[in-house]
Every structure is written in structure tokens, then in C-alpha cells.
Protein backbone atom coordinates (compact mmCIF):
# COMPACT_ATOMS: atom_id res chain seq x y z
CA UNK A 1 148.04 72.55 99.25
CA UNK A 2 144.97 73.97 100.59
CA UNK A 3 145.00 75.44 103.95
CA UNK A 4 142.02 75.69 106.40
CA UNK A 5 141.93 77.97 109.69
CA UNK A 6 143.04 74.90 111.58
CA UNK A 7 145.25 73.29 108.95
CA UNK A 8 148.51 74.05 110.64
CA UNK A 9 147.89 71.85 113.86
CA UNK A 10 145.06 69.59 113.10
CA UNK A 11 143.78 70.38 109.83
CA UNK A 12 140.57 71.60 111.05
CA UNK A 13 139.70 75.39 110.91
CA UNK A 14 138.75 78.36 113.13
CA UNK A 15 136.37 80.57 111.53
CA UNK A 16 133.40 83.19 111.53
CA UNK A 17 132.51 86.07 113.42
CA UNK A 18 130.08 85.89 116.21
CA UNK A 19 128.68 84.61 119.88
CA UNK A 20 125.33 84.38 122.61
CA UNK A 21 123.05 87.30 122.10
CA UNK A 22 123.25 87.84 125.91
CA UNK A 23 121.62 91.26 125.99
CA UNK A 24 124.05 94.13 125.24
CA UNK A 25 122.58 96.75 127.51
CA UNK A 26 125.69 98.38 129.35
CA UNK A 27 127.08 94.99 130.68
CA UNK A 28 130.73 95.43 131.34
CA UNK A 29 132.94 92.90 132.54
CA UNK A 30 133.97 92.65 136.08
CA UNK A 31 137.57 93.82 137.01
CA UNK A 32 140.14 91.25 136.14
CA UNK A 33 141.85 89.18 139.12
CA UNK A 34 145.71 89.73 139.19
CA UNK A 35 147.20 86.92 137.76
CA UNK A 36 149.46 84.84 139.64
CA UNK A 37 153.55 85.24 139.01
CA UNK A 38 153.94 81.66 138.44
CA UNK A 39 151.15 81.31 135.91
CA UNK A 40 152.56 84.32 133.93
CA UNK A 41 156.28 82.39 133.87
CA UNK A 42 154.21 79.26 133.25
CA UNK A 43 152.40 80.55 130.13
CA UNK A 44 155.72 81.40 128.08
CA UNK A 45 155.85 77.51 127.92
CA UNK A 46 152.63 76.69 126.14
CA UNK A 47 150.83 78.19 122.68
CA UNK A 48 147.19 77.38 122.00
CA UNK A 49 146.83 79.68 118.73
CA UNK A 50 147.38 78.03 115.25
CA UNK A 51 150.83 79.05 114.90
CA UNK A 52 152.02 81.07 118.17
CA UNK A 53 150.17 83.91 117.73
CA UNK A 54 149.38 84.18 121.33
CA UNK A 55 153.23 83.90 122.39
CA UNK A 56 153.89 86.72 120.07
CA UNK A 57 151.43 88.66 121.92
CA UNK A 58 152.32 87.47 125.21
CA UNK A 59 156.05 88.68 124.65
CA UNK A 60 154.84 92.23 123.51
CA UNK A 61 152.76 92.31 126.61
CA UNK A 62 155.79 91.32 128.56
CA UNK A 63 158.54 93.51 126.67
CA UNK A 64 156.17 96.78 127.12
CA UNK A 65 155.16 95.88 130.93
CA UNK A 66 151.48 95.65 129.60
CA UNK A 67 149.54 94.29 132.86
CA UNK A 68 145.55 94.54 131.43
CA UNK A 69 145.04 91.87 129.01
CA UNK A 70 141.49 91.58 128.38
CA UNK A 71 140.36 90.76 124.95
CA UNK A 72 137.73 90.82 122.14
CA UNK A 73 137.93 87.30 120.12
CA UNK A 74 135.71 88.03 116.94
CA UNK A 75 135.05 84.45 115.55
CA UNK A 76 136.40 82.78 118.45
CA UNK A 77 135.47 79.09 117.75
CA UNK A 78 137.11 76.96 119.51
CA UNK A 79 138.06 77.40 123.11
CA UNK A 80 141.41 76.22 123.65
CA UNK A 81 143.13 74.62 120.47
CA UNK A 82 143.89 77.29 117.76
CA UNK A 83 142.25 79.74 119.90
CA UNK A 84 144.42 83.17 120.19
CA UNK A 85 142.76 84.21 123.45
CA UNK A 86 142.98 81.31 125.59
CA UNK A 87 146.45 81.69 126.74
CA UNK A 88 145.29 84.94 128.39
CA UNK A 89 142.44 82.92 129.80
CA UNK A 90 144.65 80.70 131.76
CA UNK A 91 146.55 83.62 133.17
CA UNK A 92 143.32 84.97 134.81
CA UNK A 93 142.38 87.40 132.26
CA UNK A 94 138.80 87.52 130.63
CA UNK A 95 137.01 88.90 127.83
CA UNK A 96 134.67 88.47 125.31
CA UNK A 97 133.91 85.79 122.55
CA UNK A 98 131.78 86.35 119.77
CA UNK A 99 130.73 83.54 117.35
CA UNK A 100 127.77 82.81 115.46
CA UNK A 101 128.23 79.01 115.30
CA UNK A 102 125.58 77.78 117.89
CA UNK A 103 127.43 74.49 118.60
CA UNK A 104 130.70 76.43 119.15
CA UNK A 105 129.01 78.54 121.66
CA UNK A 106 128.02 75.91 123.74
CA UNK A 107 131.76 74.61 124.11
CA UNK A 108 133.04 77.84 124.68
CA UNK A 109 130.52 78.41 127.78
CA UNK A 110 131.63 75.16 129.17
CA UNK A 111 135.32 75.42 128.87
CA UNK A 112 135.68 79.38 129.52
CA UNK A 113 132.79 80.24 132.12
CA UNK A 114 134.69 83.48 133.07
CA UNK A 115 134.26 84.97 129.70
CA UNK A 116 131.25 86.30 128.01
CA UNK A 117 129.97 84.40 125.03
CA UNK A 118 127.86 86.33 122.50
CA UNK A 119 125.94 84.34 119.71
CA UNK A 120 125.97 86.81 116.88
CA UNK A 121 128.14 88.02 113.98
CA UNK A 122 129.86 91.32 113.83
CA UNK A 123 128.41 93.55 111.19
CA UNK A 124 129.83 95.83 108.85
CA UNK A 125 126.84 97.88 107.63
CA UNK A 126 123.73 99.07 109.78
CA UNK A 127 121.89 95.90 108.79
CA UNK A 128 121.52 94.04 112.33
CA UNK A 129 120.69 90.49 110.77
CA UNK A 130 122.24 88.60 107.99
CA UNK A 131 122.30 85.26 105.93
CA UNK A 132 124.97 82.83 107.67
CA UNK A 133 126.40 80.17 105.43
CA UNK A 134 126.95 76.88 107.21
CA UNK A 135 129.46 74.97 105.34
CA UNK A 136 130.30 71.13 105.41
CA UNK A 137 133.49 71.95 107.26
CA UNK A 138 132.16 74.20 110.00
CA UNK A 139 135.40 76.19 110.56
CA UNK A 140 134.47 77.74 107.30
CA UNK A 141 131.08 79.19 107.98
CA UNK A 142 131.03 82.67 106.77
CA UNK A 143 128.62 85.45 106.40
CA UNK A 144 129.95 86.20 102.95
CA UNK A 145 127.95 84.59 100.14
CA UNK A 146 131.03 85.60 98.00
CA UNK A 147 133.49 83.55 100.24
CA UNK A 148 131.07 80.67 100.77
CA UNK A 149 130.64 80.29 97.12
CA UNK A 150 134.81 80.69 96.44
CA UNK A 151 135.02 77.63 99.07
CA UNK A 152 133.04 75.56 97.37
CA UNK A 153 135.16 76.43 93.99
CA UNK A 154 138.64 76.09 95.55
CA UNK A 155 137.90 72.79 97.13
CA UNK A 156 136.78 71.58 93.92
CA UNK A 157 133.36 70.65 95.24
CA UNK A 158 134.70 68.84 98.63
CA UNK A 159 133.17 71.49 100.56
CA UNK A 160 129.49 72.51 99.99
CA UNK A 161 127.04 74.81 101.37
CA UNK A 162 125.01 72.93 103.92
CA UNK A 163 122.35 75.36 104.72
CA UNK A 164 121.75 79.27 105.27
CA UNK A 165 120.40 80.55 108.34
CA UNK A 166 119.76 84.14 109.91
CA UNK A 167 121.98 85.56 112.62
CA UNK A 168 121.94 88.73 114.35
CA UNK A 169 124.88 91.16 113.92
CA UNK A 170 126.49 93.61 116.25
CA UNK A 171 128.43 96.63 115.86
CA UNK A 172 131.89 96.07 116.99
CA UNK A 173 132.18 99.70 118.70
CA UNK A 174 128.75 98.94 120.44
CA UNK A 175 130.26 95.80 121.73
CA UNK A 176 133.57 97.23 123.01
CA UNK A 177 131.44 100.35 124.53
CA UNK A 178 129.19 97.94 126.37
CA UNK A 179 131.24 95.36 127.57
CA UNK A 180 134.61 96.78 128.08
CA UNK A 181 133.73 101.02 128.27
CA UNK A 182 136.64 101.25 126.51
CA UNK A 183 139.02 99.31 123.75
CA UNK A 184 140.15 95.86 125.06
CA UNK A 185 144.01 95.40 125.11
CA UNK A 186 143.88 92.60 122.37
CA UNK A 187 141.41 92.19 119.73
CA UNK A 188 141.40 88.91 117.47
CA UNK A 189 139.59 88.54 114.20
CA UNK A 190 139.05 85.34 112.60
CA UNK A 191 135.90 85.93 110.10
CA UNK A 192 136.54 84.01 107.10
CA UNK A 193 136.97 87.03 104.19
CA UNK A 194 135.44 89.69 106.42
CA UNK A 195 138.52 90.90 108.45
CA UNK A 196 139.15 93.93 106.40
CA UNK A 197 135.52 94.86 106.58
CA UNK A 198 135.06 94.79 109.91
CA UNK A 199 138.57 96.62 110.60
CA UNK A 200 137.17 99.51 108.40
CA UNK A 201 134.18 99.58 110.88
CA UNK A 202 136.26 100.37 113.80
CA UNK A 203 135.98 103.68 115.40
CA UNK A 204 140.04 104.32 115.78
CA UNK A 205 139.30 107.79 117.25
CA UNK A 206 137.46 106.24 120.12
CA UNK A 207 138.74 102.51 120.48
CA UNK A 208 142.29 101.89 119.87
CA UNK A 209 143.20 98.22 121.16
CA UNK A 210 146.92 97.92 121.63
CA UNK A 211 147.11 94.90 119.67
CA UNK A 212 144.99 93.37 116.89
CA UNK A 213 145.49 89.88 115.08
CA UNK A 214 143.66 89.18 111.94
CA UNK A 215 143.61 86.51 109.47
CA UNK A 216 145.09 87.77 106.60
CA UNK A 217 145.41 84.42 104.62
CA UNK A 218 142.76 83.72 102.00
CA UNK A 219 141.27 80.49 102.94
CA UNK A 220 142.10 77.52 100.76
CA UNK A 221 144.91 79.17 99.21
CA UNK A 222 148.54 80.15 100.06
CA UNK A 223 147.71 83.90 99.44
CA UNK A 224 147.24 86.84 101.86
CA UNK A 225 145.18 89.86 101.63
CA UNK A 226 147.81 92.77 101.54
CA UNK A 227 144.96 95.28 101.61
CA UNK A 228 144.67 94.48 105.44
CA UNK A 229 148.14 95.73 106.35
CA UNK A 230 147.67 98.97 104.13
CA UNK A 231 144.62 99.78 105.60
CA UNK A 232 146.09 99.26 109.06
CA UNK A 233 148.87 101.52 108.47
CA UNK A 234 146.48 104.43 107.60
CA UNK A 235 145.35 104.13 111.26
CA UNK A 236 148.61 104.24 112.85
CA UNK A 237 149.24 100.58 113.38
CA UNK A 238 152.50 98.70 112.65
CA UNK A 239 153.07 94.92 111.87
CA UNK A 240 154.94 93.47 114.49
CA UNK A 241 154.18 89.74 114.11
CA UNK A 242 153.23 87.28 111.29
CA UNK A 243 152.33 83.75 110.84
CA UNK A 244 151.46 81.84 107.47
CA UNK A 245 147.51 82.60 108.43
CA UNK A 246 147.63 85.67 110.82
CA UNK A 247 149.08 89.10 111.25
CA UNK A 248 149.69 90.95 114.58
CA UNK A 249 149.36 94.63 114.56
CA UNK A 250 150.30 97.05 117.47
CA UNK A 251 149.40 100.67 118.08
CA UNK A 252 152.16 102.87 116.97
CA UNK A 253 151.33 105.25 119.66
CA UNK A 254 152.78 102.75 122.67
CA UNK A 255 156.06 101.65 120.95
């Protein structure tokens, strides 16, 4: 059985790493409005993520009495369904959505006007532009040539590389510095095979998100990437939630 990034809810997928290049120069988010208490209570009735990951994070926020719930969503793709951060948007919080799919960015801006949308990818080297592989299933778009070719293979040719375009790349630490001034409370990473590489670029001595959700499923298979959890452990993060597709890590310093 092939499992796409959106497979559990609608058989579609959520993918890639990016969003509207919207000039990075020291543009921090405005202060968050205080969410109304009735909205917080109501939020426990809904999940928008693929497998309830947002409610796991929501529960941890409540359990640890974390009030500030800003977010960095890398590979946001869809604004609502199968999105790990939309629940917190409905609570009145705001964040930055990074997504290289231009059409997806248009939808993100329409549905989530309080969020910043950055049309780019997150880089893992000093290179500031890279080939972006556009697949027939847009949720499987990726910056990884190896991942794109693997997707074609595991799908037995039903998926194909439609085109390859150049897209800008940003450094995740610079994004956090310019838009948040510190680490956001929550970072979600869904980048079709580049999750571990991106995590390894975070300067955890400067930026320690309270919670990180990373896709650990190998696209098109039932296998996970064990190296992600092993790496996060070396950085002082513990697994405190997991679905078939994603793993949620918490900074051990706050528990």
C-alpha cells in the first residue's frame, strides 16, 4: 500500500519546503492577539492535520500552560486540510508559512492572511537557489533529485517528473531570526525527504523551538527514517507523539 503525504485523509499529499520570497530584511511578526477562551475550548474538538498531530501539540501546550503558540510551517502546502498549524491560526495565533509551490502559496495567502507566506525553499547548504522537481502529484514536489527519482520508481511509473524549475532557498536560522527574533514555539517540517538535512542545519544553541513535528515516513512506503529521532535525541529533544507519518519532538528542557 502506497502512502502519500495526504494519504490518510484524502489520498492527496502535503509536501515540499518553501513560500513568497517576501523580502526577509528584519520583518518580525506583529505581537499575537490573545485568543478568546471559548475559541481555545472549541479547538479541542477539531483536527486539521493528517493524523491529529495538531491536537497532540495542542494538548502539550495546554498541559504545560504554553500561551505563546507562534509557528514556522516548512512545506505548508495546503492552508487548512492536512495542515499542522491551521488549528493554531484558528486560535488567533500567527506564524510563517514556507512553501515553494507557487499555486499553493496563492491559496495560503487567500485563506490565511494573518500569516506570512514565503515562496521559497529551506536550504541545507550555503547555496541560495536549487532545482525544484515538480511531480505529477504536486504534493510530492521536492528539492531532492534522488527523492524525485525514487518516487517515480516506487510508484511504478504512475508518478513522473513534470518539470524542473529554479527556486530560491533560505536558511532556517535566518528565517527565525528575521521573522521571530527567536525560536517560534512550534516548527513543522514536511519537505519530501529533506527533513533530517534541514533539522541538521538548525543552530539549537540559538533557536530551540518547544515542539518540532517532522515527517518521518518515507514517501510511498510504510517505512520510517530512524535517523531523525536519533539525531533529535542528540540535540536534547524527546519523542512525545507519533502518527504513521509524523513524529513530534519536545525540548527536554521544558519537561
